[in-house]
Amino acid sequence: MEQYRTIAVIESNYQNRAKVTNALFSGGYHAEPYEEIEEFISESRDGYVVLISDVDGNVDRLLELMHRNAMWFPIIPYSETSSLDSVVSAMLKGAIGYIDRLPDLESVVNVINSNQPERKKLVETGRMRANARAKMVLLTKREREVLQCMSEGMSNKVIGLKLGISPRTVEIHRANMITKLETESTNEALRLAAYAEI
């Protein structure tokens, strides 16, 4: 996995935020402290790993905002009072690791460096999903409807009947959609739709 040197620390407790940030600085990382998830989302750039306190639905809120803004970052939730359910839930939602205590330099480095082939695949999949979601924003509502129907295996005729438009209009929407998505085929457009989870 690529070497991350910038770690965003999202923690509402200023004492914990300072402890974690100082530990990362001591190890040569650039740590950017954030009190609020929204603050991070508004200022974030590529190349971050996100270290986030797993309290009060923070992980779900971060994932929802990343999805809505067509962004993706490797995330590492942490909690001093984690349960097995919260760890499993975070991992199933795409976290690259979980730390069951207030993070220190060693625990963060261990998560970043462990299982590199699997982590690299997670990072690449996350980026492809964010890229696909960003491209889907370019489509009109009708083009997204046509793409959804295509992903369900419907023909132009069936799509036209379902949406109340002619098969020729469906063809026009498909052509416009392929142009906007910068794909060369319907199959590529369907692959993007799958990554965007529409």
Protein backbone atom coordinates (compact mmCIF):
# COMPACT_ATOMS: atom_id res chain seq x y z
CA MET A 1 0.00 0.00 0.00
CA GLU A 2 1.15 3.49 -0.69
CA GLN A 3 2.86 5.22 2.19
CA TYR A 4 0.54 7.62 3.95
CA ARG A 5 2.26 10.49 5.72
CA THR A 6 -0.81 12.63 6.45
CA ILE A 7 -3.31 11.37 8.97
CA ALA A 8 -6.53 13.21 9.75
CA VAL A 9 -7.49 12.78 13.40
CA ILE A 10 -11.23 13.30 13.96
CA GLU A 11 -11.86 13.46 17.69
CA SER A 12 -14.27 15.73 19.58
CA ASN A 13 -12.39 15.41 22.90
CA TYR A 14 -9.58 17.97 22.68
CA GLN A 15 -7.33 16.14 25.18
CA ASN A 16 -7.54 12.86 23.26
CA ARG A 17 -7.10 14.73 19.96
CA ALA A 18 -3.91 16.35 21.31
CA LYS A 19 -2.51 13.03 22.61
CA VAL A 20 -3.08 11.21 19.33
CA THR A 21 -1.80 14.10 17.21
CA ASN A 22 1.37 14.47 19.28
CA ALA A 23 2.05 10.72 19.10
CA LEU A 24 1.78 10.80 15.31
CA PHE A 25 3.99 13.89 15.02
CA SER A 26 6.65 12.13 17.10
CA GLY A 27 6.72 9.33 14.52
CA GLY A 28 7.24 11.65 11.57
CA TYR A 29 3.63 11.76 10.40
CA HIS A 30 1.82 14.94 9.57
CA ALA A 31 -1.35 14.87 11.68
CA GLU A 32 -4.25 17.18 10.91
CA PRO A 33 -6.61 17.45 13.91
CA TYR A 34 -10.34 17.95 13.36
CA GLU A 35 -13.05 18.32 15.95
CA GLU A 36 -15.94 17.70 13.54
CA ILE A 37 -16.41 15.34 10.60
CA GLU A 38 -17.93 18.12 8.50
CA GLU A 39 -14.82 20.24 9.02
CA PHE A 40 -12.65 17.40 7.71
CA ILE A 41 -14.89 16.82 4.68
CA SER A 42 -14.82 20.50 3.73
CA GLU A 43 -11.01 20.77 3.96
CA SER A 44 -9.81 17.29 2.98
CA ARG A 45 -7.46 16.39 0.16
CA ASP A 46 -6.29 13.13 -1.39
CA GLY A 47 -3.64 11.11 0.40
CA TYR A 48 -5.12 11.12 3.88
CA VAL A 49 -5.72 8.24 6.22
CA VAL A 50 -8.56 9.06 8.60
CA LEU A 51 -8.28 8.12 12.25
CA ILE A 52 -11.75 8.60 13.77
CA SER A 53 -13.20 8.15 17.22
CA ASP A 54 -15.95 5.52 16.95
CA VAL A 55 -18.59 7.16 19.14
CA ASP A 56 -22.12 8.41 18.51
CA GLY A 57 -22.32 7.02 14.97
CA ASN A 58 -19.20 8.89 13.76
CA VAL A 59 -18.10 6.11 11.39
CA ASP A 60 -21.52 5.91 9.73
CA ARG A 61 -21.74 9.71 9.44
CA LEU A 62 -18.25 9.92 7.90
CA LEU A 63 -19.03 7.16 5.40
CA GLU A 64 -22.34 8.81 4.47
CA LEU A 65 -20.65 12.19 3.87
CA MET A 66 -17.84 10.59 1.87
CA HIS A 67 -20.44 8.79 -0.25
CA ARG A 68 -22.53 11.95 -0.75
CA ASN A 69 -19.44 13.96 -1.77
CA ALA A 70 -17.98 11.20 -3.99
CA MET A 71 -14.86 10.94 -1.81
CA TRP A 72 -13.01 8.05 -0.34
CA PHE A 73 -10.33 7.81 2.33
CA PRO A 74 -8.94 4.80 4.16
CA ILE A 75 -10.45 4.99 7.64
CA ILE A 76 -9.27 3.56 10.94
CA PRO A 77 -11.88 3.84 13.68
CA TYR A 78 -10.86 3.56 17.33
CA SER A 79 -12.59 3.29 20.66
CA GLU A 80 -11.47 2.58 24.20
CA THR A 81 -14.78 0.80 24.81
CA SER A 82 -15.28 -1.04 21.53
CA SER A 83 -17.47 -4.09 21.24
CA LEU A 84 -16.96 -6.96 18.84
CA ASP A 85 -20.10 -5.82 16.98
CA SER A 86 -18.74 -2.30 16.42
CA VAL A 87 -15.39 -3.65 15.19
CA VAL A 88 -17.02 -6.10 12.78
CA SER A 89 -19.50 -3.45 11.60
CA ALA A 90 -16.72 -0.95 10.85
CA MET A 91 -14.67 -3.54 8.97
CA LEU A 92 -17.67 -4.66 6.90
CA LYS A 93 -18.32 -1.02 5.97
CA GLY A 94 -14.78 -0.66 4.59
CA ALA A 95 -12.51 0.36 7.47
CA ILE A 96 -8.91 -0.73 6.85
CA GLY A 97 -8.44 -1.60 10.51
CA TYR A 98 -9.71 -0.91 14.01
CA ILE A 99 -7.85 0.13 17.14
CA ASP A 100 -9.39 -0.90 20.45
CA ARG A 101 -7.81 1.83 22.55
CA LEU A 102 -6.74 5.45 22.26
CA PRO A 103 -4.32 5.23 19.30
CA ASP A 104 -0.60 5.59 19.75
CA LEU A 105 2.04 5.67 17.03
CA GLU A 106 2.69 1.92 17.11
CA SER A 107 -0.98 0.93 16.79
CA VAL A 108 -1.55 3.27 13.83
CA VAL A 109 1.60 2.13 12.01
CA ASN A 110 0.64 -1.52 12.60
CA VAL A 111 -2.78 -1.01 11.00
CA ILE A 112 -1.37 0.90 8.02
CA ASN A 113 1.38 -1.67 7.39
CA SER A 114 -0.49 -4.91 8.11
CA ASN A 115 -2.06 -7.09 5.40
CA GLN A 116 -0.81 -4.83 2.66
CA PRO A 117 -2.21 -6.79 -0.32
CA GLU A 118 -5.71 -6.76 1.20
CA ARG A 119 -5.41 -3.11 2.22
CA LYS A 120 -4.20 -2.14 -1.25
CA LYS A 121 -7.25 -3.83 -2.74
CA LEU A 122 -9.56 -2.02 -0.28
CA VAL A 123 -7.95 1.32 -1.11
CA GLU A 124 -8.25 0.74 -4.86
CA THR A 125 -11.88 -0.40 -4.59
CA GLY A 126 -12.72 2.63 -2.45
CA ARG A 127 -11.18 4.99 -4.97
CA MET A 128 -12.97 3.33 -7.89
CA ARG A 129 -16.31 3.67 -6.05
CA ALA A 130 -15.69 7.35 -5.32
CA ASN A 131 -14.70 7.95 -8.96
CA ALA A 132 -17.82 6.14 -10.18
CA ARG A 133 -20.08 8.16 -7.86
CA ALA A 134 -18.47 11.39 -9.09
CA LYS A 135 -19.25 10.42 -12.68
CA MET A 136 -22.85 9.45 -11.86
CA VAL A 137 -23.49 13.04 -10.71
CA LEU A 138 -23.08 14.11 -14.35
CA LEU A 139 -26.12 12.08 -15.43
CA THR A 140 -29.65 13.42 -15.57
CA LYS A 141 -32.33 11.74 -13.48
CA ARG A 142 -33.70 10.03 -16.59
CA GLU A 143 -30.26 8.77 -17.64
CA ARG A 144 -29.78 7.29 -14.15
CA GLU A 145 -33.19 5.62 -14.45
CA VAL A 146 -32.22 4.13 -17.81
CA LEU A 147 -28.90 2.94 -16.37
CA GLN A 148 -30.69 1.37 -13.39
CA CYS A 149 -33.03 -0.48 -15.74
CA MET A 150 -30.08 -1.60 -17.87
CA SER A 151 -28.37 -2.97 -14.77
CA GLU A 152 -31.50 -5.03 -14.14
CA GLY A 153 -31.09 -6.56 -17.62
CA MET A 154 -33.97 -4.80 -19.37
CA SER A 155 -33.99 -4.25 -23.13
CA ASN A 156 -34.56 -0.82 -24.69
CA LYS A 157 -38.16 -1.77 -25.43
CA VAL A 158 -38.87 -2.87 -21.84
CA ILE A 159 -37.10 0.20 -20.44
CA GLY A 160 -39.22 2.41 -22.71
CA LEU A 161 -42.43 0.75 -21.54
CA LYS A 162 -41.44 1.04 -17.89
CA LEU A 163 -40.43 4.71 -18.15
CA GLY A 164 -43.14 5.74 -20.63
CA ILE A 165 -40.73 6.71 -23.41
CA SER A 166 -39.96 5.27 -26.84
CA PRO A 167 -37.17 2.73 -27.40
CA ARG A 168 -35.46 5.33 -29.62
CA THR A 169 -35.45 7.82 -26.72
CA VAL A 170 -33.92 5.10 -24.54
CA GLU A 171 -31.15 4.71 -27.17
CA ILE A 172 -30.52 8.46 -27.09
CA HIS A 173 -30.29 8.43 -23.28
CA ARG A 174 -27.88 5.47 -23.45
CA ALA A 175 -25.65 7.27 -25.96
CA ASN A 176 -25.62 10.46 -23.89
CA MET A 177 -24.90 8.47 -20.75
CA ILE A 178 -21.93 6.66 -22.31
CA THR A 179 -20.52 10.00 -23.49
CA LYS A 180 -20.94 11.66 -20.08
CA LEU A 181 -19.43 8.68 -18.23
CA GLU A 182 -16.50 8.65 -20.67
CA THR A 183 -16.93 4.94 -21.29
CA GLU A 184 -16.60 3.12 -24.57
CA SER A 185 -19.37 0.59 -24.07
CA THR A 186 -22.54 -0.22 -22.23
CA ASN A 187 -20.65 -2.84 -20.22
CA GLU A 188 -18.25 -0.20 -18.88
CA ALA A 189 -21.19 2.03 -17.94
CA LEU A 190 -22.78 -0.90 -16.09
CA ARG A 191 -19.51 -1.57 -14.28
CA LEU A 192 -19.41 2.08 -13.16
CA ALA A 193 -23.01 1.79 -11.98
CA ALA A 194 -22.09 -1.26 -9.93
CA TYR A 195 -19.16 0.57 -8.32
CA ALA A 196 -21.37 3.60 -7.63
CA GLU A 197 -23.93 1.23 -6.11
CA ILE A 198 -26.89 2.72 -7.94
